[in-house]
Protein backbone atom coordinates (compact mmCIF):
# COMPACT_ATOMS: atom_id res chain seq x y z
CA UNK A 1 -3.69 25.85 8.75
CA UNK A 2 -7.25 27.28 8.55
CA UNK A 3 -9.50 27.09 11.81
CA UNK A 4 -12.85 27.88 11.37
CA UNK A 5 -14.71 29.22 14.28
CA UNK A 6 -18.17 29.59 15.28
CA UNK A 7 -19.07 32.34 17.60
CA UNK A 8 -21.10 30.30 20.11
CA UNK A 9 -17.84 28.30 21.14
CA UNK A 10 -16.38 29.25 24.36
CA UNK A 11 -12.63 30.65 24.95
CA UNK A 12 -11.64 27.54 26.67
CA UNK A 13 -12.62 24.88 23.82
CA UNK A 14 -10.88 27.00 21.06
CA UNK A 15 -7.61 26.74 22.95
CA UNK A 16 -8.16 22.89 23.37
CA UNK A 17 -8.75 22.98 19.75
CA UNK A 18 -5.65 24.85 18.79
CA UNK A 19 -3.40 22.75 20.83
CA UNK A 20 -4.79 19.29 19.90
CA UNK A 21 -4.12 20.78 16.24
CA UNK A 22 -0.07 21.74 16.82
CA UNK A 23 2.17 20.06 14.69
CA UNK A 24 3.60 16.89 16.26
CA UNK A 25 6.32 16.81 14.24
CA UNK A 26 9.43 18.70 15.06
CA UNK A 27 12.83 18.90 13.71
CA UNK A 28 15.53 17.80 16.11
CA UNK A 29 18.73 19.88 15.22
CA UNK A 30 20.80 18.45 17.89
CA UNK A 31 21.31 15.16 16.49
CA UNK A 32 23.04 16.41 13.76
CA UNK A 33 25.47 18.97 16.02
CA UNK A 34 29.08 17.79 15.18
CA UNK A 35 28.36 15.38 12.78
CA UNK A 36 30.15 17.50 9.93
CA UNK A 37 33.81 17.46 9.72
CA UNK A 38 35.51 20.33 8.22
CA UNK A 39 39.42 21.41 8.83
CA UNK A 40 38.93 25.15 7.10
CA UNK A 41 37.08 27.61 9.12
CA UNK A 42 33.30 27.89 8.37
CA UNK A 43 33.50 31.94 8.38
CA UNK A 44 36.02 31.24 4.99
CA UNK A 45 33.29 28.42 3.55
CA UNK A 46 30.66 30.93 3.74
CA UNK A 47 32.90 33.73 2.18
CA UNK A 48 34.09 31.40 -0.81
CA UNK A 49 30.53 29.85 -1.24
CA UNK A 50 29.02 33.82 -1.71
CA UNK A 51 31.92 34.76 -4.01
CA UNK A 52 30.63 31.92 -6.23
CA UNK A 53 27.92 34.37 -7.14
CA UNK A 54 30.33 36.66 -8.75
């Protein structure tokens, strides 16, 4: 994001403008917690996937 500032604006107005432009969308990772059920250790899965590159 690019925000052009004129030097005549005071700091409070600039901070207010920046606060308005903040991203409204946020990723909620908690809703995915516990969704994937695996019977294998996560570290073992990760190592197996990394070994596929060799």
